[in-house]
Amino acid sequence: MLDKNKVLFERDEKGEVLPKKVFVEALKDDIVITPLSWGEWKRIRTQMLLINKQETSQEQCFELIQNHCVEPKFSLAELKALKPFVADAIENAIYNNSGIVADDEKKKDT
């Protein structure tokens, strides 16, 4: 039987998705992220389809990290200086913990 606690985002009293601490294997460290809501994912996916790409642009990646990486928090100037593998690792952590990638698919990537 499907357990709702495993498939629903935790939300505060205002209905906002709660941040969660996640371990990022590629960084060998924890970060705090806010998962993407369904509406946010649809907006990003639509933009990707419009430009016929299978991955986000650098600007989309920066926007995603600015809006969803709670700790550490990066300024735009810091994001522009961020090592590419770190940006990719944070972006993937946000997607993986937003329910965009099924749990069994996540296991293949680690």
N, C-alpha and C. Protein backbone atom coordinates (compact mmCIF):
# COMPACT_ATOMS: atom_id res chain seq x y z
N MET A 1 0.85 -1.18 0.00
CA MET A 1 0.00 0.00 0.00
C MET A 1 0.90 1.24 0.00
N LEU A 2 0.55 2.20 -0.80
CA LEU A 2 1.31 3.44 -0.90
C LEU A 2 1.24 4.21 0.40
N ASP A 3 2.41 4.58 0.92
CA ASP A 3 2.50 5.35 2.16
C ASP A 3 2.57 6.84 1.79
N LYS A 4 1.53 7.59 2.13
CA LYS A 4 1.48 9.01 1.79
C LYS A 4 2.66 9.79 2.37
N ASN A 5 3.15 9.37 3.53
CA ASN A 5 4.28 10.09 4.15
C ASN A 5 5.54 10.03 3.30
N LYS A 6 5.63 9.04 2.42
CA LYS A 6 6.81 8.91 1.56
C LYS A 6 6.67 9.68 0.26
N VAL A 7 5.45 10.10 -0.09
CA VAL A 7 5.25 10.72 -1.39
C VAL A 7 4.79 12.17 -1.33
N LEU A 8 4.57 12.69 -0.14
CA LEU A 8 4.15 14.09 0.01
C LEU A 8 5.30 14.92 0.57
N PHE A 9 5.41 16.16 0.09
CA PHE A 9 6.39 17.08 0.67
C PHE A 9 5.91 17.51 2.05
N GLU A 10 6.86 17.69 2.95
CA GLU A 10 6.51 18.27 4.24
C GLU A 10 6.31 19.76 4.03
N ARG A 11 5.24 20.30 4.60
CA ARG A 11 4.90 21.71 4.42
C ARG A 11 4.66 22.37 5.77
N ASP A 12 4.88 23.69 5.81
CA ASP A 12 4.60 24.44 7.02
C ASP A 12 3.12 24.83 7.06
N GLU A 13 2.74 25.59 8.08
CA GLU A 13 1.33 25.98 8.24
C GLU A 13 0.83 26.88 7.11
N LYS A 14 1.75 27.52 6.38
CA LYS A 14 1.36 28.37 5.24
C LYS A 14 1.28 27.58 3.93
N GLY A 15 1.64 26.30 4.00
CA GLY A 15 1.62 25.46 2.80
C GLY A 15 2.92 25.46 2.02
N GLU A 16 3.95 26.14 2.53
CA GLU A 16 5.24 26.20 1.85
C GLU A 16 6.03 24.90 2.08
N VAL A 17 6.72 24.43 1.05
CA VAL A 17 7.55 23.24 1.17
C VAL A 17 8.69 23.52 2.15
N LEU A 18 8.89 22.61 3.10
CA LEU A 18 9.94 22.79 4.11
C LEU A 18 11.31 22.39 3.56
N PRO A 19 12.34 23.14 3.95
CA PRO A 19 13.71 22.76 3.56
C PRO A 19 14.09 21.42 4.19
N LYS A 20 15.02 20.74 3.55
CA LYS A 20 15.52 19.49 4.12
C LYS A 20 17.02 19.38 3.93
N LYS A 21 17.66 18.76 4.91
CA LYS A 21 19.10 18.55 4.87
C LYS A 21 19.37 17.26 4.09
N VAL A 22 20.27 17.35 3.10
CA VAL A 22 20.60 16.19 2.28
C VAL A 22 22.11 16.04 2.17
N PHE A 23 22.56 14.80 2.12
CA PHE A 23 23.97 14.52 1.91
C PHE A 23 24.21 14.42 0.41
N VAL A 24 25.22 15.15 -0.08
CA VAL A 24 25.56 15.12 -1.50
C VAL A 24 26.86 14.33 -1.64
N GLU A 25 26.72 13.13 -2.19
CA GLU A 25 27.86 12.22 -2.30
C GLU A 25 29.04 12.86 -3.05
N ALA A 26 28.75 13.55 -4.15
CA ALA A 26 29.82 14.15 -4.96
C ALA A 26 30.61 15.20 -4.17
N LEU A 27 29.96 15.84 -3.22
CA LEU A 27 30.62 16.87 -2.41
C LEU A 27 31.12 16.34 -1.07
N LYS A 28 30.68 15.14 -0.73
CA LYS A 28 31.02 14.51 0.56
C LYS A 28 30.63 15.43 1.73
N ASP A 29 29.44 16.07 1.57
CA ASP A 29 28.99 17.02 2.58
C ASP A 29 27.47 17.20 2.49
N ASP A 30 26.92 17.82 3.53
CA ASP A 30 25.49 18.11 3.59
C ASP A 30 25.21 19.50 3.05
N ILE A 31 24.02 19.65 2.46
CA ILE A 31 23.48 20.96 2.11
C ILE A 31 22.02 20.96 2.55
N VAL A 32 21.43 22.14 2.62
CA VAL A 32 20.01 22.25 2.93
C VAL A 32 19.34 22.82 1.69
N ILE A 33 18.31 22.09 1.23
CA ILE A 33 17.61 22.51 0.01
C ILE A 33 16.11 22.57 0.27
N THR A 34 15.43 23.32 -0.57
CA THR A 34 13.97 23.29 -0.60
C THR A 34 13.60 22.57 -1.88
N PRO A 35 12.89 21.44 -1.79
CA PRO A 35 12.51 20.71 -3.00
C PRO A 35 11.65 21.56 -3.93
N LEU A 36 11.70 21.23 -5.22
CA LEU A 36 10.87 21.90 -6.22
C LEU A 36 9.43 21.43 -6.08
N SER A 37 8.51 22.37 -6.18
CA SER A 37 7.09 21.99 -6.23
C SER A 37 6.77 21.53 -7.65
N TRP A 38 5.62 20.92 -7.82
CA TRP A 38 5.19 20.46 -9.14
C TRP A 38 5.15 21.61 -10.14
N GLY A 39 4.60 22.75 -9.73
CA GLY A 39 4.51 23.90 -10.62
C GLY A 39 5.87 24.42 -11.05
N GLU A 40 6.82 24.45 -10.12
CA GLU A 40 8.17 24.92 -10.46
C GLU A 40 8.83 23.96 -11.45
N TRP A 41 8.68 22.66 -11.23
CA TRP A 41 9.28 21.69 -12.14
C TRP A 41 8.66 21.82 -13.54
N LYS A 42 7.35 21.99 -13.61
CA LYS A 42 6.70 22.13 -14.92
C LYS A 42 7.21 23.37 -15.65
N ARG A 43 7.42 24.48 -14.92
CA ARG A 43 7.94 25.70 -15.53
C ARG A 43 9.34 25.47 -16.11
N ILE A 44 10.21 24.84 -15.33
CA ILE A 44 11.58 24.55 -15.78
C ILE A 44 11.55 23.60 -16.98
N ARG A 45 10.75 22.56 -16.88
CA ARG A 45 10.67 21.57 -17.96
C ARG A 45 10.14 22.21 -19.25
N THR A 46 9.15 23.08 -19.12
CA THR A 46 8.61 23.77 -20.29
C THR A 46 9.68 24.63 -20.95
N GLN A 47 10.47 25.35 -20.14
CA GLN A 47 11.55 26.17 -20.70
C GLN A 47 12.57 25.30 -21.43
N MET A 48 12.88 24.13 -20.86
CA MET A 48 13.83 23.22 -21.49
C MET A 48 13.29 22.72 -22.82
N LEU A 49 12.01 22.40 -22.87
CA LEU A 49 11.40 21.91 -24.11
C LEU A 49 11.34 23.00 -25.18
N LEU A 50 11.08 24.23 -24.75
CA LEU A 50 11.00 25.34 -25.70
C LEU A 50 12.33 25.59 -26.41
N ILE A 51 13.42 25.37 -25.70
CA ILE A 51 14.73 25.58 -26.33
C ILE A 51 15.33 24.25 -26.79
N ASN A 52 14.52 23.18 -26.71
CA ASN A 52 14.89 21.86 -27.21
C ASN A 52 16.19 21.34 -26.58
N LYS A 53 16.25 21.40 -25.27
CA LYS A 53 17.42 20.91 -24.54
C LYS A 53 16.99 19.87 -23.53
N GLN A 54 17.91 18.97 -23.22
CA GLN A 54 17.64 17.94 -22.23
C GLN A 54 18.14 18.32 -20.85
N GLU A 55 18.84 19.43 -20.76
CA GLU A 55 19.33 19.88 -19.45
C GLU A 55 19.15 21.38 -19.33
N THR A 56 19.26 21.85 -18.11
CA THR A 56 19.05 23.27 -17.86
C THR A 56 20.24 24.09 -18.35
N SER A 57 19.97 25.36 -18.65
CA SER A 57 21.04 26.27 -19.04
C SER A 57 21.78 26.73 -17.78
N GLN A 58 22.88 27.40 -17.97
CA GLN A 58 23.65 27.92 -16.83
C GLN A 58 22.79 28.89 -16.02
N GLU A 59 22.03 29.74 -16.71
CA GLU A 59 21.18 30.71 -16.00
C GLU A 59 20.10 29.99 -15.20
N GLN A 60 19.50 28.95 -15.78
CA GLN A 60 18.49 28.18 -15.06
C GLN A 60 19.09 27.48 -13.85
N CYS A 61 20.29 26.96 -14.02
CA CYS A 61 20.98 26.30 -12.91
C CYS A 61 21.23 27.29 -11.79
N PHE A 62 21.73 28.48 -12.12
CA PHE A 62 21.99 29.50 -11.11
C PHE A 62 20.70 29.90 -10.40
N GLU A 63 19.62 30.07 -11.16
CA GLU A 63 18.34 30.45 -10.57
C GLU A 63 17.85 29.34 -9.62
N LEU A 64 17.99 28.10 -10.06
CA LEU A 64 17.58 26.96 -9.25
C LEU A 64 18.35 26.93 -7.92
N ILE A 65 19.66 27.09 -8.00
CA ILE A 65 20.49 27.06 -6.78
C ILE A 65 20.16 28.26 -5.89
N GLN A 66 20.02 29.44 -6.48
CA GLN A 66 19.68 30.62 -5.66
C GLN A 66 18.35 30.45 -4.93
N ASN A 67 17.38 29.86 -5.61
CA ASN A 67 16.04 29.73 -5.03
C ASN A 67 15.85 28.52 -4.14
N HIS A 68 16.68 27.48 -4.30
CA HIS A 68 16.42 26.23 -3.59
C HIS A 68 17.56 25.71 -2.73
N CYS A 69 18.74 26.28 -2.82
CA CYS A 69 19.82 25.90 -1.92
C CYS A 69 19.79 26.88 -0.74
N VAL A 70 19.34 26.39 0.39
CA VAL A 70 19.16 27.24 1.57
C VAL A 70 20.48 27.43 2.32
N GLU A 71 21.26 26.35 2.40
CA GLU A 71 22.54 26.41 3.11
C GLU A 71 23.53 25.49 2.42
N PRO A 72 24.62 25.98 1.91
CA PRO A 72 25.06 27.36 1.93
C PRO A 72 24.27 28.20 0.91
N LYS A 73 24.11 29.45 1.22
CA LYS A 73 23.42 30.39 0.33
C LYS A 73 24.48 31.07 -0.54
N PHE A 74 24.25 31.11 -1.85
CA PHE A 74 25.21 31.71 -2.78
C PHE A 74 24.64 32.97 -3.42
N SER A 75 25.48 33.99 -3.53
CA SER A 75 25.11 35.19 -4.29
C SER A 75 25.31 34.88 -5.77
N LEU A 76 24.79 35.74 -6.64
CA LEU A 76 24.98 35.54 -8.08
C LEU A 76 26.47 35.57 -8.44
N ALA A 77 27.22 36.48 -7.82
CA ALA A 77 28.66 36.56 -8.09
C ALA A 77 29.36 35.27 -7.66
N GLU A 78 28.95 34.70 -6.53
CA GLU A 78 29.55 33.44 -6.07
C GLU A 78 29.17 32.29 -7.01
N LEU A 79 27.93 32.30 -7.50
CA LEU A 79 27.51 31.24 -8.43
C LEU A 79 28.34 31.29 -9.70
N LYS A 80 28.63 32.47 -10.18
CA LYS A 80 29.43 32.61 -11.40
C LYS A 80 30.86 32.10 -11.20
N ALA A 81 31.33 32.09 -9.96
CA ALA A 81 32.68 31.61 -9.64
C ALA A 81 32.68 30.16 -9.14
N LEU A 82 31.49 29.56 -9.03
CA LEU A 82 31.35 28.21 -8.50
C LEU A 82 31.93 27.19 -9.47
N LYS A 83 32.65 26.23 -8.93
CA LYS A 83 33.20 25.16 -9.76
C LYS A 83 32.05 24.38 -10.39
N PRO A 84 32.15 24.07 -11.68
CA PRO A 84 31.04 23.42 -12.38
C PRO A 84 30.55 22.12 -11.72
N PHE A 85 31.46 21.28 -11.21
CA PHE A 85 31.01 20.03 -10.61
C PHE A 85 30.19 20.28 -9.34
N VAL A 86 30.47 21.39 -8.64
CA VAL A 86 29.70 21.72 -7.44
C VAL A 86 28.30 22.16 -7.83
N ALA A 87 28.20 23.02 -8.86
CA ALA A 87 26.89 23.46 -9.34
C ALA A 87 26.07 22.26 -9.81
N ASP A 88 26.69 21.35 -10.56
CA ASP A 88 25.99 20.14 -11.02
C ASP A 88 25.52 19.29 -9.85
N ALA A 89 26.38 19.13 -8.85
CA ALA A 89 26.03 18.29 -7.70
C ALA A 89 24.85 18.88 -6.92
N ILE A 90 24.85 20.20 -6.74
CA ILE A 90 23.75 20.85 -6.02
C ILE A 90 22.47 20.77 -6.85
N GLU A 91 22.58 21.04 -8.15
CA GLU A 91 21.41 20.96 -9.03
C GLU A 91 20.81 19.55 -8.99
N ASN A 92 21.65 18.54 -9.10
CA ASN A 92 21.17 17.15 -9.05
C ASN A 92 20.54 16.81 -7.71
N ALA A 93 21.11 17.33 -6.62
CA ALA A 93 20.54 17.07 -5.29
C ALA A 93 19.13 17.66 -5.18
N ILE A 94 18.95 18.84 -5.76
CA ILE A 94 17.62 19.47 -5.73
C ILE A 94 16.64 18.62 -6.52
N TYR A 95 17.02 18.22 -7.74
CA TYR A 95 16.13 17.39 -8.55
C TYR A 95 15.85 16.05 -7.88
N ASN A 96 16.90 15.39 -7.40
CA ASN A 96 16.75 14.06 -6.79
C ASN A 96 15.86 14.08 -5.55
N ASN A 97 15.88 15.18 -4.83
CA ASN A 97 15.09 15.26 -3.60
C ASN A 97 13.76 15.98 -3.80
N SER A 98 13.42 16.21 -5.05
CA SER A 98 12.14 16.82 -5.39
C SER A 98 11.17 15.80 -5.97
N GLY A 99 11.58 14.55 -6.02
CA GLY A 99 10.71 13.51 -6.55
C GLY A 99 10.69 13.48 -8.07
N ILE A 100 11.62 14.15 -8.71
CA ILE A 100 11.68 14.18 -10.17
C ILE A 100 12.33 12.90 -10.68
N VAL A 101 13.27 12.37 -9.92
CA VAL A 101 13.91 11.11 -10.24
C VAL A 101 13.39 10.09 -9.23
N ALA A 102 12.89 8.96 -9.73
CA ALA A 102 12.39 7.92 -8.84
C ALA A 102 13.51 7.39 -7.96
N ASP A 103 13.17 6.94 -6.76
CA ASP A 103 14.18 6.46 -5.81
C ASP A 103 15.07 5.37 -6.40
N ASP A 104 14.52 4.44 -7.19
CA ASP A 104 15.35 3.39 -7.76
C ASP A 104 16.30 3.93 -8.83
N GLU A 105 15.92 5.02 -9.51
CA GLU A 105 16.81 5.66 -10.47
C GLU A 105 17.95 6.38 -9.76
N LYS A 106 17.66 6.99 -8.60
CA LYS A 106 18.70 7.69 -7.82
C LYS A 106 19.79 6.70 -7.43
N LYS A 107 19.42 5.49 -7.06
CA LYS A 107 20.39 4.50 -6.61
C LYS A 107 21.38 4.14 -7.72
N LYS A 108 20.93 4.20 -8.98
CA LYS A 108 21.82 3.90 -10.11
C LYS A 108 22.89 4.96 -10.27
N ASP A 109 22.58 6.21 -9.87
CA ASP A 109 23.51 7.32 -10.06
C ASP A 109 24.57 7.40 -8.97
N THR A 110 24.39 6.71 -7.86
CA THR A 110 25.34 6.83 -6.74
C THR A 110 26.31 5.69 -6.72
